[in-house]
Every structure is written in structure tokens, then in C-alpha cells.
């Protein structure tokens, strides 16, 4: 099955919500993402498909989201907004050489899919006042490549997900084996590349490499909280460039947004085996902010070959709390005291005894 958009072709979504069909809520999100009950469907939607191709000569799918964003801000909607493109429970999907713009909600949402390739896609939305217009949200997906894309939107450029609290734990489908490479991304509201916060089915074996993040609030972020359960493990960030970014690397463990009161606060996620290798940039206010907690420590984090130009010559701009890991070789700015120090030959120089030290400062 192929959808081909010729040069200058445009598929327009109507801004009249009565023409958008209602669908059941996603099973891994419980009763609904923004509202309890049914959700609006997507402009381009598919379920239980195999061998799907959406391509063209850079034609456009335009969701005309402006009316949706305004109604959302005014609290005039009774159902969760729909993505622009959503493909569910499908395999062998190729999306390439198209432009997606102005989605009502998340832009491109593969849900519980296998063997997905997204290449040479441009995704656009206003950088402000376009709420939740994530670029690409792989959700409980396996064996996926996202490459050679340009994304500038009003929320995360990419957010890897796998379900929300007890519903995601029960659904039990992780996002795994995902390669993200050769991207230029921008997000003034959220982050360039995110994992979570809905990650209750688990996220593992993710490589993010050759990424340029410009004029953004955050560059790469992992976000979770008590109640999520699940895990984020075996994550590698390599060859990242930050240009005029407020906070470069973020791990946040108190992102307390829940579907309802039925979540288990003792269901805490596991965060481990996360590497940041060859990280460079300029105009960065806080290069690193890893905020583990006593109940959700961050374990086995590695920094190697990092040099980030900073805008504020203050102490404590490499911020850590409840973090265990290591620094290999030269890293600038100076790393937090939570981390072990190794030389270029990966020989231990100094063992930290301050893993539980807290040095988080949100004042700058």
C-alpha cells in the first residue's frame, strides 16, 4: 500500500472538529491522554497493516492545527486531539520524502509497530503556542530507524514512548532497537530528543547519533517519575552538537503527570547504562542536569569526549543528584563529584564517594 504525494501536492486536514472521527483511547494510556473517553482520530490513519509506504516528491500533509491549538488553550475540547499521521499494530513501514506540518497534536505516531523506517522527512509547527505538536513519537515500537530529517515544532522533536503508568505496565510493549541519526532539530518548549515521560512498558537499545540541536530549551532529555515503572536502559548518545541551547543533557525523575489516581507510586522506573560520547556545542547555559532521586537513582552513566562552550561562568553547571557513573578522559566543563574519573586508557584515576550528592540548581 503506497500513498504518494507529488511535488506541490498538499493534503489538508479540515479544521472543523465534527468531521474528525472518534476512536477508543489507546490501551496503554488508559482512559485517555488529555480527556477521559474517546479520542479524535488522525488525518492519515492505519491499523493492522503490512508493507505501508508514504512517500513522494516532498508533498505536504497539513493538519491546519491552529484551530485545535486555540480550542485546547481555551479548554473547549472534550476529547483528546488526534495525531496528524498514526499507524497502529503494523509492520514494514517506510515514510520518506514528505513534509508534515501543523498537526493538531503529535505529528507522526507509530504505535506498537515493527520494522519502521522514517527518512528525509521535514516536520514543522510554530515553536510557540502549538501545544504538544511533537515531531515523531515512536510508541511501543521495535526495530526502527529515523534518519536524515529536519524537525522544528512546538514540543519534543522526537519523544520515544511506551505507555503511561499502570496502563503501560499492563500493556507491556517496550520501545526497543531504535536508531536515530543525522537529524537537525529544534524545540523552544521542550527538547530535541526525548525519552518518556510515558515509558512504562520500557525503553531499551536506543542509539542517538549525529544530531544538531539549535535554538532550543533542551537538547536531549529522559523524563520519568514514580508510578511509571518500566525502565530506560542501554541508551547511547554519540556525536551531538548543541548550538544556543538552555540545557544540554537532562534526566528528570519527578515528571509527575499521571492518567488518574490509580497509579502505584511504588512502581519506580530503572534508569541505567546510559552513555554520552563526543558531545560538543556553544552557547549552552547548563550543559548537564541529571536529577536522580533516592528512589530513582541513575546508574552506570558514562561521559566521554565532551566539550561544551558555556554562556554562564558559574560553578555547578554540570549538575547531578543520585547519579553513579564515570567520566573517561577530558570533559568540559568539569564534571560533578558524583562520577568516577578515568583516564583516556580507561584506567581508574579517582573513585567517587559522593554518588548521592545533590547539586541541582534551577535558578539559571
Protein backbone atom coordinates (compact mmCIF):
# COMPACT_ATOMS: atom_id res chain seq x y z
CA UNK A 1 0.00 0.00 0.00
CA UNK A 2 1.53 3.31 -1.12
CA UNK A 3 0.47 6.91 -0.58
CA UNK A 4 2.46 9.13 -2.98
CA UNK A 5 2.50 12.92 -2.71
CA UNK A 6 3.76 14.65 -5.85
CA UNK A 7 5.72 17.89 -5.76
CA UNK A 8 3.49 20.75 -4.52
CA UNK A 9 0.71 18.31 -3.61
CA UNK A 10 -0.99 19.13 -0.29
CA UNK A 11 -3.40 17.06 1.79
CA UNK A 12 -5.29 19.46 4.06
CA UNK A 13 -6.99 18.44 7.26
CA UNK A 14 -10.26 20.20 7.96
CA UNK A 15 -10.29 22.46 10.99
CA UNK A 16 -13.93 21.54 11.70
CA UNK A 17 -13.72 19.00 14.52
CA UNK A 18 -17.08 17.39 13.73
CA UNK A 19 -15.50 15.73 10.68
CA UNK A 20 -12.79 14.03 12.76
CA UNK A 21 -13.99 10.58 13.82
CA UNK A 22 -13.79 9.47 17.43
CA UNK A 23 -11.78 6.37 18.36
CA UNK A 24 -11.25 4.36 21.56
CA UNK A 25 -8.43 5.56 23.79
CA UNK A 26 -5.03 3.91 23.33
CA UNK A 27 -4.89 0.78 25.54
CA UNK A 28 -1.50 1.68 27.04
CA UNK A 29 -2.75 5.14 28.07
CA UNK A 30 -5.86 4.14 29.99
CA UNK A 31 -8.97 6.25 29.74
CA UNK A 32 -7.46 8.95 27.51
CA UNK A 33 -4.40 11.16 27.15
CA UNK A 34 -5.99 14.62 27.57
CA UNK A 35 -9.59 13.69 28.40
CA UNK A 36 -11.37 10.61 29.67
CA UNK A 37 -13.13 8.69 26.92
CA UNK A 38 -12.80 8.53 23.13
CA UNK A 39 -10.12 10.44 21.26
CA UNK A 40 -10.11 12.10 17.88
CA UNK A 41 -8.65 10.03 15.07
CA UNK A 42 -5.79 11.12 12.84
CA UNK A 43 -5.87 12.63 9.37
CA UNK A 44 -3.88 9.71 7.97
CA UNK A 45 -4.62 6.54 9.92
CA UNK A 46 -3.91 2.83 9.54
CA UNK A 47 -4.26 -0.32 11.68
CA UNK A 48 -3.10 -3.92 11.30
CA UNK A 49 -1.23 -3.23 8.07
CA UNK A 50 1.88 -4.67 6.42
CA UNK A 51 4.10 -3.08 3.77
CA UNK A 52 2.99 0.54 4.07
CA UNK A 53 4.78 3.31 2.14
CA UNK A 54 4.10 7.03 2.48
CA UNK A 55 6.39 8.91 0.12
CA UNK A 56 6.57 11.39 -2.72
CA UNK A 57 8.44 14.34 -4.16
CA UNK A 58 8.23 16.28 -0.90
CA UNK A 59 4.49 16.81 -0.99
CA UNK A 60 2.83 18.02 2.22
CA UNK A 61 0.31 16.74 4.75
CA UNK A 62 -1.02 19.79 6.59
CA UNK A 63 -3.19 19.33 9.68
CA UNK A 64 -4.19 23.01 9.93
CA UNK A 65 -3.79 22.73 13.68
CA UNK A 66 -4.28 26.40 14.53
CA UNK A 67 -7.96 25.99 15.43
CA UNK A 68 -7.21 22.91 17.55
CA UNK A 69 -4.42 24.66 19.46
CA UNK A 70 -6.65 27.63 20.21
CA UNK A 71 -9.53 25.44 21.43
CA UNK A 72 -7.13 23.40 23.55
CA UNK A 73 -5.76 26.52 25.25
CA UNK A 74 -9.31 27.77 25.82
CA UNK A 75 -10.36 24.36 27.24
CA UNK A 76 -13.11 23.99 24.65
CA UNK A 77 -12.32 20.39 23.66
CA UNK A 78 -13.97 17.36 25.25
CA UNK A 79 -11.74 14.70 23.67
CA UNK A 80 -8.01 14.14 23.21
CA UNK A 81 -6.74 15.69 20.00
CA UNK A 82 -5.67 13.38 17.19
CA UNK A 83 -2.23 12.99 15.61
CA UNK A 84 -1.60 14.02 12.02
CA UNK A 85 -0.38 10.56 10.97
CA UNK A 86 -0.92 7.49 13.12
CA UNK A 87 -0.17 3.88 12.20
CA UNK A 88 -1.01 1.18 14.74
CA UNK A 89 -0.24 -2.53 15.14
CA UNK A 90 1.53 -2.66 11.78
CA UNK A 91 4.87 -3.74 10.31
CA UNK A 92 7.25 -2.95 7.46
CA UNK A 93 6.53 0.76 7.22
CA UNK A 94 8.50 3.29 5.16
CA UNK A 95 7.81 7.04 5.41
CA UNK A 96 10.12 9.17 3.30
CA UNK A 97 10.46 12.36 1.25
CA UNK A 98 7.42 14.24 2.56
CA UNK A 99 6.64 17.28 4.70
CA UNK A 100 4.30 17.15 7.69
CA UNK A 101 3.13 20.38 9.25
CA UNK A 102 0.77 21.95 11.79
CA UNK A 103 -0.56 18.81 13.43
CA UNK A 104 -3.42 19.22 15.91
CA UNK A 105 -1.44 17.06 18.37
CA UNK A 106 1.53 14.67 17.99
CA UNK A 107 2.60 14.75 14.35
CA UNK A 108 3.80 11.25 13.41
CA UNK A 109 2.81 8.48 15.83
CA UNK A 110 3.76 4.87 15.06
CA UNK A 111 2.07 2.80 17.77
CA UNK A 112 3.06 -0.79 18.54
CA UNK A 113 4.72 -1.21 15.15
CA UNK A 114 7.72 -3.24 13.93
CA UNK A 115 10.30 -2.55 11.25
CA UNK A 116 9.72 1.16 10.66
CA UNK A 117 11.91 3.48 8.55
CA UNK A 118 11.43 7.26 8.57
CA UNK A 119 13.83 9.09 6.27
CA UNK A 120 14.11 12.54 4.67
CA UNK A 121 11.02 13.89 6.38
CA UNK A 122 10.51 17.55 7.27
CA UNK A 123 8.21 18.27 10.21
CA UNK A 124 7.12 21.80 11.04
CA UNK A 125 4.94 23.61 13.55
CA UNK A 126 5.23 27.00 15.25
CA UNK A 127 7.86 26.89 18.00
CA UNK A 128 5.46 28.60 20.41
CA UNK A 129 1.71 28.23 21.03
CA UNK A 130 1.43 24.94 19.15
CA UNK A 131 0.92 22.67 22.18
CA UNK A 132 2.00 19.02 22.09
CA UNK A 133 2.99 19.10 18.43
CA UNK A 134 5.76 16.51 18.92
CA UNK A 135 7.52 15.63 15.67
CA UNK A 136 7.90 11.83 15.80
CA UNK A 137 6.71 9.72 18.74
CA UNK A 138 7.73 6.04 18.44
CA UNK A 139 5.40 4.36 20.92
CA UNK A 140 5.96 0.71 21.88
CA UNK A 141 7.84 0.23 18.60
CA UNK A 142 10.55 -2.27 17.72
CA UNK A 143 13.28 -2.17 15.07
CA UNK A 144 13.04 1.41 13.88
CA UNK A 145 15.29 3.87 12.03
CA UNK A 146 14.75 7.64 11.95
CA UNK A 147 17.33 9.42 9.79
CA UNK A 148 18.08 12.49 7.68
CA UNK A 149 15.15 14.56 8.96
CA UNK A 150 14.59 18.22 9.83
CA UNK A 151 12.18 18.86 12.72
CA UNK A 152 11.16 22.22 14.24
CA UNK A 153 7.99 22.01 16.33
CA UNK A 154 6.16 23.24 19.43
CA UNK A 155 7.14 20.33 21.69
CA UNK A 156 9.66 17.46 21.57
CA UNK A 157 11.13 16.92 18.11
CA UNK A 158 11.24 13.20 18.94
CA UNK A 159 9.80 11.51 22.03
CA UNK A 160 10.17 7.75 22.48
CA UNK A 161 7.26 6.36 24.49
CA UNK A 162 5.82 3.03 25.69
CA UNK A 163 2.65 3.66 27.68
CA UNK A 164 1.54 5.56 30.75
CA UNK A 165 1.74 4.31 34.34
CA UNK A 166 -0.35 1.25 35.26
CA UNK A 167 -1.87 1.04 31.77
CA UNK A 168 1.51 0.96 30.07
CA UNK A 169 2.80 -1.58 32.58
CA UNK A 170 -0.21 -3.82 31.86
CA UNK A 171 0.09 -3.40 28.08
CA UNK A 172 3.73 -4.41 28.37
CA UNK A 173 5.14 -3.42 24.97
CA UNK A 174 8.59 -1.78 25.12
CA UNK A 175 10.18 0.51 22.58
CA UNK A 176 13.42 -1.20 21.61
CA UNK A 177 16.10 -1.34 18.93
CA UNK A 178 15.74 2.24 17.70
CA UNK A 179 18.37 4.15 15.71
CA UNK A 180 18.05 7.94 15.38
CA UNK A 181 20.73 9.64 13.26
CA UNK A 182 21.61 12.59 11.05
CA UNK A 183 18.92 14.99 12.28
CA UNK A 184 18.62 18.74 12.68
CA UNK A 185 16.08 19.51 15.41
CA UNK A 186 14.68 22.48 17.29
CA UNK A 187 12.36 22.79 20.28
CA UNK A 188 11.98 26.03 22.21
CA UNK A 189 9.37 24.49 24.54
CA UNK A 190 10.63 21.01 25.34
CA UNK A 191 13.62 19.04 23.95
CA UNK A 192 15.24 17.92 20.74
CA UNK A 193 15.28 14.19 21.51
CA UNK A 194 13.31 12.85 24.49
CA UNK A 195 12.60 9.51 26.08
CA UNK A 196 9.35 9.49 28.06
CA UNK A 197 7.74 10.62 30.06
CA UNK A 198 5.28 7.85 29.15
CA UNK A 199 7.75 4.92 29.21
CA UNK A 200 6.05 2.37 31.44
CA UNK A 201 6.49 -0.52 29.01
CA UNK A 202 10.25 0.11 28.95
CA UNK A 203 12.71 1.69 26.52
CA UNK A 204 15.99 -0.02 25.60
CA UNK A 205 18.68 -0.36 22.96
CA UNK A 206 18.43 3.16 21.56
CA UNK A 207 21.24 4.92 19.67
CA UNK A 208 21.03 8.65 19.01
CA UNK A 209 23.90 9.92 16.85
CA UNK A 210 24.92 12.79 14.59
CA UNK A 211 22.33 15.22 15.91
CA UNK A 212 22.43 19.02 15.66
CA UNK A 213 20.17 20.79 18.17
CA UNK A 214 19.81 24.55 17.70
CA UNK A 215 17.99 27.39 19.46
CA UNK A 216 16.27 25.02 21.88
CA UNK A 217 15.23 24.87 25.50
CA UNK A 218 16.79 21.43 25.98
CA UNK A 219 18.82 19.17 23.73
CA UNK A 220 18.36 15.56 24.90
CA UNK A 221 16.14 14.54 27.81
CA UNK A 222 14.97 11.45 29.66
CA UNK A 223 11.87 12.16 31.75
CA UNK A 224 10.01 9.85 34.13
CA UNK A 225 8.59 9.69 37.66
CA UNK A 226 7.42 7.38 40.44
CA UNK A 227 4.39 5.46 39.19
CA UNK A 228 5.81 4.88 35.73
CA UNK A 229 7.54 1.58 36.40
CA UNK A 230 9.38 0.23 33.40
CA UNK A 231 12.98 1.00 32.55
CA UNK A 232 15.26 3.10 30.37
CA UNK A 233 18.47 1.20 29.68
CA UNK A 234 21.20 0.68 27.10
CA UNK A 235 20.93 4.18 25.62
CA UNK A 236 23.83 5.67 23.63
CA UNK A 237 24.10 9.32 22.60
CA UNK A 238 27.01 9.94 20.23
CA UNK A 239 28.26 12.92 18.25
CA UNK A 240 25.79 15.53 19.43
CA UNK A 241 26.16 19.26 18.76
CA UNK A 242 24.32 21.88 20.82
CA UNK A 243 24.01 25.41 19.43
CA UNK A 244 22.39 28.02 21.69
CA UNK A 245 20.63 25.55 23.99
CA UNK A 246 19.48 26.38 27.51
CA UNK A 247 20.14 22.91 28.99
CA UNK A 248 22.08 20.28 27.08
CA UNK A 249 21.65 16.88 28.73
CA UNK A 250 18.72 16.28 31.08
CA UNK A 251 17.47 13.35 33.13
CA UNK A 252 14.40 14.21 35.21
CA UNK A 253 12.80 11.76 37.63
CA UNK A 254 9.91 13.81 39.03
CA UNK A 255 7.81 14.42 35.92
CA UNK A 256 4.63 13.90 37.89
CA UNK A 257 1.83 13.74 35.35
CA UNK A 258 -0.48 10.74 35.71
CA UNK A 259 -3.57 9.42 33.90
CA UNK A 260 -5.59 9.06 37.13
CA UNK A 261 -5.21 8.26 40.82
CA UNK A 262 -4.86 4.54 40.19
CA UNK A 263 -1.11 4.52 39.61
CA UNK A 264 1.21 2.80 42.06
CA UNK A 265 3.71 5.32 43.49
CA UNK A 266 6.00 2.42 44.40
CA UNK A 267 6.30 1.42 40.74
CA UNK A 268 9.58 3.20 40.11
CA UNK A 269 11.48 3.05 36.81
CA UNK A 270 15.02 1.72 36.42
CA UNK A 271 17.47 4.09 34.70
CA UNK A 272 20.82 2.54 33.80
CA UNK A 273 23.54 2.09 31.19
CA UNK A 274 23.35 5.50 29.51
CA UNK A 275 26.34 6.87 27.55
CA UNK A 276 27.14 10.34 26.21
CA UNK A 277 30.08 10.24 23.81
CA UNK A 278 31.50 13.09 21.71
CA UNK A 279 29.31 15.96 22.87
CA UNK A 280 30.15 19.46 21.64
CA UNK A 281 28.47 22.83 21.47
CA UNK A 282 28.44 26.51 22.23
CA UNK A 283 26.09 28.96 23.91
CA UNK A 284 24.84 26.42 26.45
CA UNK A 285 23.67 27.66 29.84
CA UNK A 286 23.65 24.32 31.73
CA UNK A 287 25.46 21.51 29.87
CA UNK A 288 24.27 18.67 32.16
CA UNK A 289 21.41 18.30 34.65
CA UNK A 290 20.92 14.71 35.80
CA UNK A 291 18.38 14.71 38.60
CA UNK A 292 18.13 11.24 40.03
CA UNK A 293 16.49 10.69 43.39
CA UNK A 294 16.80 8.37 46.35
CA UNK A 295 14.02 6.16 44.95
CA UNK A 296 15.06 6.52 41.29
CA UNK A 297 18.86 6.66 41.14
CA UNK A 298 20.59 6.90 37.77
CA UNK A 299 23.17 4.13 37.40
CA UNK A 300 26.11 3.47 35.11
CA UNK A 301 26.21 6.77 33.23
CA UNK A 302 29.27 7.42 31.04
CA UNK A 303 30.64 10.71 29.71
CA UNK A 304 33.49 10.67 27.18
CA UNK A 305 34.91 13.33 24.86
CA UNK A 306 32.76 16.29 25.87
CA UNK A 307 33.49 19.97 25.35
CA UNK A 308 30.62 22.43 25.56
CA UNK A 309 31.01 26.21 25.44
CA UNK A 310 29.01 27.85 28.17
CA UNK A 311 27.20 31.17 28.50
CA UNK A 312 27.45 31.43 32.31
CA UNK A 313 30.80 31.01 34.03
CA UNK A 314 29.29 29.75 37.23
CA UNK A 315 30.08 26.79 39.38
CA UNK A 316 27.77 23.81 39.42
CA UNK A 317 26.70 23.93 35.79
CA UNK A 318 27.41 20.19 35.47
CA UNK A 319 24.61 19.25 37.83
CA UNK A 320 23.94 15.84 39.36
CA UNK A 321 21.85 14.16 42.06
CA UNK A 322 21.83 10.47 42.96
CA UNK A 323 23.97 9.51 39.97
CA UNK A 324 26.54 6.73 39.67
CA UNK A 325 28.86 6.50 36.69
CA UNK A 326 32.13 7.59 35.18
CA UNK A 327 33.95 10.20 33.14
CA UNK A 328 36.54 8.94 30.67
CA UNK A 329 39.32 11.33 29.69
CA UNK A 330 38.80 15.04 29.21
CA UNK A 331 35.38 16.58 29.81
CA UNK A 332 34.49 20.28 29.87
CA UNK A 333 33.01 21.80 31.91
CA UNK A 334 34.31 20.00 34.97
CA UNK A 335 32.04 17.09 35.87
CA UNK A 336 30.09 16.73 39.09
CA UNK A 337 31.68 14.96 42.02
CA UNK A 338 29.21 12.07 41.80
CA UNK A 339 31.16 10.44 38.97
CA UNK A 340 34.30 8.30 38.96
CA UNK A 341 37.21 9.63 36.93
CA UNK A 342 39.08 7.51 34.38
CA UNK A 343 41.96 8.43 32.08
CA UNK A 344 41.95 8.11 28.28
CA UNK A 345 43.08 4.49 28.62
CA UNK A 346 40.00 3.83 30.78
CA UNK A 347 42.11 3.32 33.89
CA UNK A 348 40.57 4.44 37.17
CA UNK A 349 42.05 7.71 38.47
CA UNK A 350 39.65 8.62 41.26
CA UNK A 351 36.70 6.81 42.76
CA UNK A 352 33.77 8.97 43.82
CA UNK A 353 32.22 8.56 47.24
CA UNK A 354 29.54 11.18 46.53
CA UNK A 355 27.02 9.39 44.30
CA UNK A 356 24.12 10.68 46.42
CA UNK A 357 25.35 14.26 46.41
CA UNK A 358 22.75 16.76 45.16
CA UNK A 359 23.86 19.73 43.11
CA UNK A 360 20.73 20.74 41.16
CA UNK A 361 20.08 24.44 40.64
CA UNK A 362 17.08 25.61 38.61
CA UNK A 363 17.82 29.30 39.16
CA UNK A 364 19.81 29.61 35.93
